[in-house]
Every structure is written in structure tokens, then in C-alpha cells.
Amino acid sequence: MMKRSKHVIISRILDICQNGANKTRIVYQANLNFRTVDPYIDLLIKNNLIEIKQGKTIVYETTDRGVNLLEDFKHINSQLSEL
């Protein structure tokens, strides 16, 4: 199995968090583990790509900036698949 690149994992997390997601959902849907997901979440929060929504549980939600980056990723991937 090939190792996924950092941008593939980041785009997957941004996609999962578009409608809000807790850490467990991110871990399972992005096929990560709880130890490896934390640096990605920290990086995305630091760069204003996802934000924390405090409530009964902690929910991560993709920001407008994160949505724009996700769209850029999708555009680039579609261009590369045409080569």
C-alpha cells in the first residue's frame, strides 16, 4: 500500500469537517489514528483552515479559507488526472 501524501490527508480532513465533525469521525473517515490526527488538526487550526465549535462536544468545522483550499486541491487533482 502506498503512503498518502500530507496534502491528500489534509484535503480529506477539510472535506470531512465541512459539515462539522468530532475527532472520532475524522479519525475513522480519514483512516487515521488518534495519535496521528492531532498534528493535522493543530496545523489546520493554526492556519485558520478549520475552527473549533464548542458545545456539548468539541466539533471541528472547515472555515471559508479551508473550503477555498479544498476546492483548489480538487481542481489540481482533476487537472492532474487529465494528463
PDB file of N, CA and C in Angstrom:
ATOM      1  N   MET A   1       0.839  -1.189   0.000  1.00  0.00           N
ATOM      2  CA  MET A   1       0.000   0.000   0.000  1.00  0.00           C
ATOM      3  C   MET A   1       0.883   1.250   0.000  1.00  0.00           C
ATOM      4  N   MET A   2       0.506   2.234  -0.805  1.00  0.00           N
ATOM      5  CA  MET A   2       1.274   3.473  -0.879  1.00  0.00           C
ATOM      6  C   MET A   2       0.929   4.407   0.272  1.00  0.00           C
ATOM      7  N   LYS A   3       1.939   5.084   0.764  1.00  0.00           N
ATOM      8  CA  LYS A   3       1.736   6.082   1.805  1.00  0.00           C
ATOM      9  C   LYS A   3       1.068   7.313   1.184  1.00  0.00           C
ATOM     10  N   ARG A   4       0.068   7.844   1.875  1.00  0.00           N
ATOM     11  CA  ARG A   4      -0.615   9.045   1.366  1.00  0.00           C
ATOM     12  C   ARG A   4       0.224  10.278   1.664  1.00  0.00           C
ATOM     13  N   SER A   5       0.143  11.247   0.772  1.00  0.00           N
ATOM     14  CA  SER A   5       0.873  12.488   0.993  1.00  0.00           C
ATOM     15  C   SER A   5       0.104  13.364   1.982  1.00  0.00           C
ATOM     16  N   LYS A   6       0.824  14.307   2.521  1.00  0.00           N
ATOM     17  CA  LYS A   6       0.246  15.216   3.516  1.00  0.00           C
ATOM     18  C   LYS A   6      -0.949  15.980   2.951  1.00  0.00           C
ATOM     19  N   HIS A   7      -0.851  16.439   1.712  1.00  0.00           N
ATOM     20  CA  HIS A   7      -1.957  17.225   1.153  1.00  0.00           C
ATOM     21  C   HIS A   7      -3.199  16.370   0.919  1.00  0.00           C
ATOM     22  N   VAL A   8      -3.027  15.086   0.651  1.00  0.00           N
ATOM     23  CA  VAL A   8      -4.182  14.201   0.486  1.00  0.00           C
ATOM     24  C   VAL A   8      -4.912  14.045   1.815  1.00  0.00           C
ATOM     25  N   ILE A   9      -4.161  13.866   2.893  1.00  0.00           N
ATOM     26  CA  ILE A   9      -4.762  13.727   4.225  1.00  0.00           C
ATOM     27  C   ILE A   9      -5.434  15.033   4.634  1.00  0.00           C
ATOM     28  N   ILE A  10      -4.775  16.150   4.395  1.00  0.00           N
ATOM     29  CA  ILE A  10      -5.347  17.454   4.752  1.00  0.00           C
ATOM     30  C   ILE A  10      -6.633  17.709   3.984  1.00  0.00           C
ATOM     31  N   SER A  11      -6.645  17.418   2.696  1.00  0.00           N
ATOM     32  CA  SER A  11      -7.865  17.656   1.917  1.00  0.00           C
ATOM     33  C   SER A  11      -8.990  16.748   2.393  1.00  0.00           C
ATOM     34  N   ARG A  12      -8.657  15.525   2.805  1.00  0.00           N
ATOM     35  CA  ARG A  12      -9.685  14.620   3.326  1.00  0.00           C
ATOM     36  C   ARG A  12     -10.271  15.162   4.629  1.00  0.00           C
ATOM     37  N   ILE A  13      -9.431  15.658   5.517  1.00  0.00           N
ATOM     38  CA  ILE A  13      -9.911  16.224   6.787  1.00  0.00           C
ATOM     39  C   ILE A  13     -10.775  17.452   6.521  1.00  0.00           C
ATOM     40  N   LEU A  14     -10.351  18.323   5.621  1.00  0.00           N
ATOM     41  CA  LEU A  14     -11.147  19.507   5.290  1.00  0.00           C
ATOM     42  C   LEU A  14     -12.518  19.106   4.750  1.00  0.00           C
ATOM     43  N   ASP A  15     -12.543  18.075   3.934  1.00  0.00           N
ATOM     44  CA  ASP A  15     -13.801  17.590   3.371  1.00  0.00           C
ATOM     45  C   ASP A  15     -14.708  17.034   4.468  1.00  0.00           C
ATOM     46  N   ILE A  16     -14.160  16.249   5.361  1.00  0.00           N
ATOM     47  CA  ILE A  16     -14.940  15.658   6.457  1.00  0.00           C
ATOM     48  C   ILE A  16     -15.528  16.737   7.362  1.00  0.00           C
ATOM     49  N   CYS A  17     -14.775  17.800   7.598  1.00  0.00           N
ATOM     50  CA  CYS A  17     -15.188  18.839   8.550  1.00  0.00           C
ATOM     51  C   CYS A  17     -16.118  19.895   7.950  1.00  0.00           C
ATOM     52  N   GLN A  18     -16.458  19.786   6.695  1.00  0.00           N
ATOM     53  CA  GLN A  18     -17.312  20.811   6.080  1.00  0.00           C
ATOM     54  C   GLN A  18     -18.645  20.971   6.806  1.00  0.00           C
ATOM     55  N   ASN A  19     -19.222  19.887   7.266  1.00  0.00           N
ATOM     56  CA  ASN A  19     -20.488  19.968   7.994  1.00  0.00           C
ATOM     57  C   ASN A  19     -20.296  19.776   9.492  1.00  0.00           C
ATOM     58  N   GLY A  20     -19.051  19.888   9.935  1.00  0.00           N
ATOM     59  CA  GLY A  20     -18.736  19.703  11.345  1.00  0.00           C
ATOM     60  C   GLY A  20     -18.481  18.243  11.648  1.00  0.00           C
ATOM     61  N   ALA A  21     -17.425  17.972  12.399  1.00  0.00           N
ATOM     62  CA  ALA A  21     -17.086  16.592  12.750  1.00  0.00           C
ATOM     63  C   ALA A  21     -16.288  16.577  14.043  1.00  0.00           C
ATOM     64  N   ASN A  22     -16.550  15.564  14.873  1.00  0.00           N
ATOM     65  CA  ASN A  22     -15.724  15.405  16.060  1.00  0.00           C
ATOM     66  C   ASN A  22     -14.472  14.615  15.694  1.00  0.00           C
ATOM     67  N   LYS A  23     -13.546  14.507  16.637  1.00  0.00           N
ATOM     68  CA  LYS A  23     -12.267  13.867  16.356  1.00  0.00           C
ATOM     69  C   LYS A  23     -12.441  12.392  15.956  1.00  0.00           C
ATOM     70  N   THR A  24     -13.372  11.698  16.595  1.00  0.00           N
ATOM     71  CA  THR A  24     -13.599  10.291  16.270  1.00  0.00           C
ATOM     72  C   THR A  24     -14.027  10.119  14.820  1.00  0.00           C
ATOM     73  N   ARG A  25     -14.927  10.960  14.363  1.00  0.00           N
ATOM     74  CA  ARG A  25     -15.385  10.889  12.972  1.00  0.00           C
ATOM     75  C   ARG A  25     -14.228  11.160  12.012  1.00  0.00           C
ATOM     76  N   ILE A  26     -13.404  12.159  12.327  1.00  0.00           N
ATOM     77  CA  ILE A  26     -12.246  12.471  11.480  1.00  0.00           C
ATOM     78  C   ILE A  26     -11.309  11.268  11.404  1.00  0.00           C
ATOM     79  N   VAL A  27     -11.006  10.672  12.562  1.00  0.00           N
ATOM     80  CA  VAL A  27     -10.098   9.522  12.618  1.00  0.00           C
ATOM     81  C   VAL A  27     -10.602   8.388  11.734  1.00  0.00           C
ATOM     82  N   TYR A  28     -11.867   8.034  11.873  1.00  0.00           N
ATOM     83  CA  TYR A  28     -12.392   6.891  11.125  1.00  0.00           C
ATOM     84  C   TYR A  28     -12.594   7.187   9.642  1.00  0.00           C
ATOM     85  N   GLN A  29     -13.120   8.348   9.313  1.00  0.00           N
ATOM     86  CA  GLN A  29     -13.381   8.646   7.908  1.00  0.00           C
ATOM     87  C   GLN A  29     -12.109   8.964   7.125  1.00  0.00           C
ATOM     88  N   ALA A  30     -11.097   9.498   7.799  1.00  0.00           N
ATOM     89  CA  ALA A  30      -9.830   9.808   7.124  1.00  0.00           C
ATOM     90  C   ALA A  30      -8.846   8.642   7.225  1.00  0.00           C
ATOM     91  N   ASN A  31      -9.254   7.586   7.896  1.00  0.00           N
ATOM     92  CA  ASN A  31      -8.417   6.400   8.063  1.00  0.00           C
ATOM     93  C   ASN A  31      -7.080   6.753   8.729  1.00  0.00           C
ATOM     94  N   LEU A  32      -7.180   7.461   9.857  1.00  0.00           N
ATOM     95  CA  LEU A  32      -6.015   7.832  10.658  1.00  0.00           C
ATOM     96  C   LEU A  32      -6.145   7.168  12.014  1.00  0.00           C
ATOM     97  N   ASN A  33      -5.251   7.489  12.939  1.00  0.00           N
ATOM     98  CA  ASN A  33      -5.445   7.067  14.320  1.00  0.00           C
ATOM     99  C   ASN A  33      -5.374   8.297  15.217  1.00  0.00           C
ATOM    100  N   PHE A  34      -5.732   8.133  16.474  1.00  0.00           N
ATOM    101  CA  PHE A  34      -5.828   9.286  17.368  1.00  0.00           C
ATOM    102  C   PHE A  34      -4.478   9.960  17.601  1.00  0.00           C
ATOM    103  N   ARG A  35      -3.399   9.219  17.481  1.00  0.00           N
ATOM    104  CA  ARG A  35      -2.076   9.811  17.668  1.00  0.00           C
ATOM    105  C   ARG A  35      -1.664  10.651  16.460  1.00  0.00           C
ATOM    106  N   THR A  36      -1.995  10.179  15.253  1.00  0.00           N
ATOM    107  CA  THR A  36      -1.560  10.898  14.048  1.00  0.00           C
ATOM    108  C   THR A  36      -2.493  12.035  13.646  1.00  0.00           C
ATOM    109  N   VAL A  37      -3.724  12.025  14.129  1.00  0.00           N
ATOM    110  CA  VAL A  37      -4.670  13.069  13.714  1.00  0.00           C
ATOM    111  C   VAL A  37      -4.382  14.413  14.400  1.00  0.00           C
ATOM    112  N   ASP A  38      -3.857  14.377  15.611  1.00  0.00           N
ATOM    113  CA  ASP A  38      -3.645  15.618  16.372  1.00  0.00           C
ATOM    114  C   ASP A  38      -2.744  16.635  15.671  1.00  0.00           C
ATOM    115  N   PRO A  39      -1.585  16.239  15.115  1.00  0.00           N
ATOM    116  CA  PRO A  39      -0.763  17.241  14.420  1.00  0.00           C
ATOM    117  C   PRO A  39      -1.480  17.874  13.220  1.00  0.00           C
ATOM    118  N   TYR A  40      -2.286  17.093  12.518  1.00  0.00           N
ATOM    119  CA  TYR A  40      -3.039  17.643  11.381  1.00  0.00           C
ATOM    120  C   TYR A  40      -4.088  18.645  11.859  1.00  0.00           C
ATOM    121  N   ILE A  41      -4.823  18.301  12.906  1.00  0.00           N
ATOM    122  CA  ILE A  41      -5.830  19.215  13.449  1.00  0.00           C
ATOM    123  C   ILE A  41      -5.160  20.499  13.924  1.00  0.00           C
ATOM    124  N   ASP A  42      -4.046  20.372  14.643  1.00  0.00           N
ATOM    125  CA  ASP A  42      -3.325  21.553  15.131  1.00  0.00           C
ATOM    126  C   ASP A  42      -2.864  22.439  13.972  1.00  0.00           C
ATOM    127  N   LEU A  43      -2.318  21.820  12.915  1.00  0.00           N
ATOM    128  CA  LEU A  43      -1.857  22.567  11.751  1.00  0.00           C
ATOM    129  C   LEU A  43      -3.013  23.303  11.072  1.00  0.00           C
ATOM    130  N   LEU A  44      -4.139  22.627  10.918  1.00  0.00           N
ATOM    131  CA  LEU A  44      -5.288  23.233  10.242  1.00  0.00           C
ATOM    132  C   LEU A  44      -5.887  24.373  11.066  1.00  0.00           C
ATOM    133  N   ILE A  45      -5.921  24.223  12.375  1.00  0.00           N
ATOM    134  CA  ILE A  45      -6.426  25.303  13.244  1.00  0.00           C
ATOM    135  C   ILE A  45      -5.477  26.502  13.187  1.00  0.00           C
ATOM    136  N   LYS A  46      -4.182  26.225  13.295  1.00  0.00           N
ATOM    137  CA  LYS A  46      -3.169  27.290  13.279  1.00  0.00           C
ATOM    138  C   LYS A  46      -3.226  28.108  11.994  1.00  0.00           C
ATOM    139  N   ASN A  47      -3.565  27.455  10.898  1.00  0.00           N
ATOM    140  CA  ASN A  47      -3.617  28.140   9.601  1.00  0.00           C
ATOM    141  C   ASN A  47      -5.018  28.592   9.220  1.00  0.00           C
ATOM    142  N   ASN A  48      -5.925  28.598  10.196  1.00  0.00           N
ATOM    143  CA  ASN A  48      -7.291  29.086  10.013  1.00  0.00           C
ATOM    144  C   ASN A  48      -8.025  28.335   8.888  1.00  0.00           C
ATOM    145  N   LEU A  49      -7.803  27.022   8.812  1.00  0.00           N
ATOM    146  CA  LEU A  49      -8.477  26.206   7.809  1.00  0.00           C
ATOM    147  C   LEU A  49      -9.645  25.429   8.414  1.00  0.00           C
ATOM    148  N   ILE A  50      -9.548  25.140   9.712  1.00  0.00           N
ATOM    149  CA  ILE A  50     -10.690  24.614  10.466  1.00  0.00           C
ATOM    150  C   ILE A  50     -10.768  25.389  11.771  1.00  0.00           C
ATOM    151  N   GLU A  51     -11.951  25.370  12.376  1.00  0.00           N
ATOM    152  CA  GLU A  51     -12.134  26.044  13.656  1.00  0.00           C
ATOM    153  C   GLU A  51     -12.862  25.116  14.614  1.00  0.00           C
ATOM    154  N   ILE A  52     -12.694  25.392  15.901  1.00  0.00           N
ATOM    155  CA  ILE A  52     -13.347  24.593  16.932  1.00  0.00           C
ATOM    156  C   ILE A  52     -14.680  25.232  17.273  1.00  0.00           C
ATOM    157  N   LYS A  53     -15.721  24.415  17.267  1.00  0.00           N
ATOM    158  CA  LYS A  53     -17.046  24.846  17.714  1.00  0.00           C
ATOM    159  C   LYS A  53     -17.315  24.153  19.041  1.00  0.00           C
ATOM    160  N   GLN A  54     -17.289  24.930  20.119  1.00  0.00           N
ATOM    161  CA  GLN A  54     -17.513  24.372  21.452  1.00  0.00           C
ATOM    162  C   GLN A  54     -19.005  24.165  21.671  1.00  0.00           C
ATOM    163  N   GLY A  55     -19.346  23.056  22.199  1.00  0.00           N
ATOM    164  CA  GLY A  55     -20.725  22.738  22.538  1.00  0.00           C
ATOM    165  C   GLY A  55     -20.691  21.626  23.552  1.00  0.00           C
ATOM    166  N   LYS A  56     -21.651  20.726  23.450  1.00  0.00           N
ATOM    167  CA  LYS A  56     -21.646  19.554  24.320  1.00  0.00           C
ATOM    168  C   LYS A  56     -20.378  18.744  24.082  1.00  0.00           C
ATOM    169  N   THR A  57     -19.960  18.676  22.817  1.00  0.00           N
ATOM    170  CA  THR A  57     -18.692  18.035  22.453  1.00  0.00           C
ATOM    171  C   THR A  57     -17.922  18.996  21.551  1.00  0.00           C
ATOM    172  N   ILE A  58     -16.641  18.731  21.386  1.00  0.00           N
ATOM    173  CA  ILE A  58     -15.820  19.567  20.507  1.00  0.00           C
ATOM    174  C   ILE A  58     -16.054  19.126  19.069  1.00  0.00           C
ATOM    175  N   VAL A  59     -16.413  20.090  18.220  1.00  0.00           N
ATOM    176  CA  VAL A  59     -16.655  19.827  16.806  1.00  0.00           C
ATOM    177  C   VAL A  59     -15.728  20.728  15.999  1.00  0.00           C
ATOM    178  N   TYR A  60     -15.132  20.145  14.988  1.00  0.00           N
ATOM    179  CA  TYR A  60     -14.248  20.900  14.093  1.00  0.00           C
ATOM    180  C   TYR A  60     -15.002  21.191  12.810  1.00  0.00           C
ATOM    181  N   GLU A  61     -14.893  22.431  12.352  1.00  0.00           N
ATOM    182  CA  GLU A  61     -15.616  22.844  11.152  1.00  0.00           C
ATOM    183  C   GLU A  61     -14.672  23.571  10.202  1.00  0.00           C
ATOM    184  N   THR A  62     -14.773  23.251   8.922  1.00  0.00           N
ATOM    185  CA  THR A  62     -13.938  23.877   7.901  1.00  0.00           C
ATOM    186  C   THR A  62     -14.339  25.344   7.740  1.00  0.00           C
ATOM    187  N   THR A  63     -13.349  26.229   7.743  1.00  0.00           N
ATOM    188  CA  THR A  63     -13.602  27.662   7.556  1.00  0.00           C
ATOM    189  C   THR A  63     -13.744  27.961   6.059  1.00  0.00           C
ATOM    190  N   ASP A  64     -14.119  29.190   5.749  1.00  0.00           N
ATOM    191  CA  ASP A  64     -14.206  29.611   4.339  1.00  0.00           C
ATOM    192  C   ASP A  64     -12.850  29.452   3.653  1.00  0.00           C
ATOM    193  N   ARG A  65     -11.796  29.796   4.377  1.00  0.00           N
ATOM    194  CA  ARG A  65     -10.442  29.648   3.822  1.00  0.00           C
ATOM    195  C   ARG A  65     -10.146  28.171   3.540  1.00  0.00           C
ATOM    196  N   GLY A  66     -10.576  27.297   4.440  1.00  0.00           N
ATOM    197  CA  GLY A  66     -10.387  25.863   4.249  1.00  0.00           C
ATOM    198  C   GLY A  66     -11.169  25.332   3.065  1.00  0.00           C
ATOM    199  N   VAL A  67     -12.394  25.831   2.880  1.00  0.00           N
ATOM    200  CA  VAL A  67     -13.219  25.425   1.733  1.00  0.00           C
ATOM    201  C   VAL A  67     -12.536  25.843   0.434  1.00  0.00           C
ATOM    202  N   ASN A  68     -11.980  27.056   0.411  1.00  0.00           N
ATOM    203  CA  ASN A  68     -11.271  27.528  -0.791  1.00  0.00           C
ATOM    204  C   ASN A  68     -10.063  26.639  -1.105  1.00  0.00           C
ATOM    205  N   LEU A  69      -9.318  26.271  -0.064  1.00  0.00           N
ATOM    206  CA  LEU A  69      -8.160  25.401  -0.267  1.00  0.00           C
ATOM    207  C   LEU A  69      -8.605  24.030  -0.772  1.00  0.00           C
ATOM    208  N   LEU A  70      -9.681  23.507  -0.214  1.00  0.00           N
ATOM    209  CA  LEU A  70     -10.208  22.211  -0.649  1.00  0.00           C
ATOM    210  C   LEU A  70     -10.615  22.253  -2.123  1.00  0.00           C
ATOM    211  N   GLU A  71     -11.256  23.333  -2.523  1.00  0.00           N
ATOM    212  CA  GLU A  71     -11.629  23.483  -3.939  1.00  0.00           C
ATOM    213  C   GLU A  71     -10.393  23.546  -4.825  1.00  0.00           C
ATOM    214  N   ASP A  72      -9.347  24.223  -4.347  1.00  0.00           N
ATOM    215  CA  ASP A  72      -8.085  24.279  -5.101  1.00  0.00           C
ATOM    216  C   ASP A  72      -7.477  22.881  -5.247  1.00  0.00           C
ATOM    217  N   PHE A  73      -7.477  22.107  -4.148  1.00  0.00           N
ATOM    218  CA  PHE A  73      -6.972  20.736  -4.196  1.00  0.00           C
ATOM    219  C   PHE A  73      -7.734  19.920  -5.238  1.00  0.00           C
ATOM    220  N   LYS A  74      -9.063  20.031  -5.213  1.00  0.00           N
ATOM    221  CA  LYS A  74      -9.886  19.255  -6.144  1.00  0.00           C
ATOM    222  C   LYS A  74      -9.606  19.661  -7.587  1.00  0.00           C
ATOM    223  N   HIS A  75      -9.428  20.965  -7.814  1.00  0.00           N
ATOM    224  CA  HIS A  75      -9.134  21.460  -9.162  1.00  0.00           C
ATOM    225  C   HIS A  75      -7.786  20.920  -9.649  1.00  0.00           C
ATOM    226  N   ILE A  76      -6.784  20.991  -8.791  1.00  0.00           N
ATOM    227  CA  ILE A  76      -5.454  20.498  -9.157  1.00  0.00           C
ATOM    228  C   ILE A  76      -5.503  18.992  -9.442  1.00  0.00           C
ATOM    229  N   ASN A  77      -6.179  18.231  -8.589  1.00  0.00           N
ATOM    230  CA  ASN A  77      -6.272  16.789  -8.808  1.00  0.00           C
ATOM    231  C   ASN A  77      -6.981  16.450 -10.110  1.00  0.00           C
ATOM    232  N   SER A  78      -8.019  17.214 -10.442  1.00  0.00           N
ATOM    233  CA  SER A  78      -8.719  16.947 -11.688  1.00  0.00           C
ATOM    234  C   SER A  78      -7.824  17.272 -12.888  1.00  0.00           C
ATOM    235  N   GLN A  79      -7.033  18.324 -12.779  1.00  0.00           N
ATOM    236  CA  GLN A  79      -6.102  18.673 -13.853  1.00  0.00           C
ATOM    237  C   GLN A  79      -5.040  17.596 -14.026  1.00  0.00           C
ATOM    238  N   LEU A  80      -4.540  17.062 -12.902  1.00  0.00           N
ATOM    239  CA  LEU A  80      -3.515  16.033 -12.965  1.00  0.00           C
ATOM    240  C   LEU A  80      -4.048  14.726 -13.518  1.00  0.00           C
ATOM    241  N   SER A  81      -5.312  14.433 -13.261  1.00  0.00           N
ATOM    242  CA  SER A  81      -5.884  13.170 -13.747  1.00  0.00           C
ATOM    243  C   SER A  81      -6.094  13.203 -15.257  1.00  0.00           C
ATOM    244  N   GLU A  82      -6.095  14.396 -15.842  1.00  0.00           N
ATOM    245  CA  GLU A  82      -6.270  14.528 -17.286  1.00  0.00           C
ATOM    246  C   GLU A  82      -4.965  14.327 -18.048  1.00  0.00           C
ATOM    247  N   LEU A  83      -3.842  14.303 -17.333  1.00  0.00           N
ATOM    248  CA  LEU A  83      -2.534  14.147 -18.004  1.00  0.00           C
ATOM    249  C   LEU A  83      -2.314  12.730 -18.478  1.00  0.00           C
TER     250      LEU A  83
END
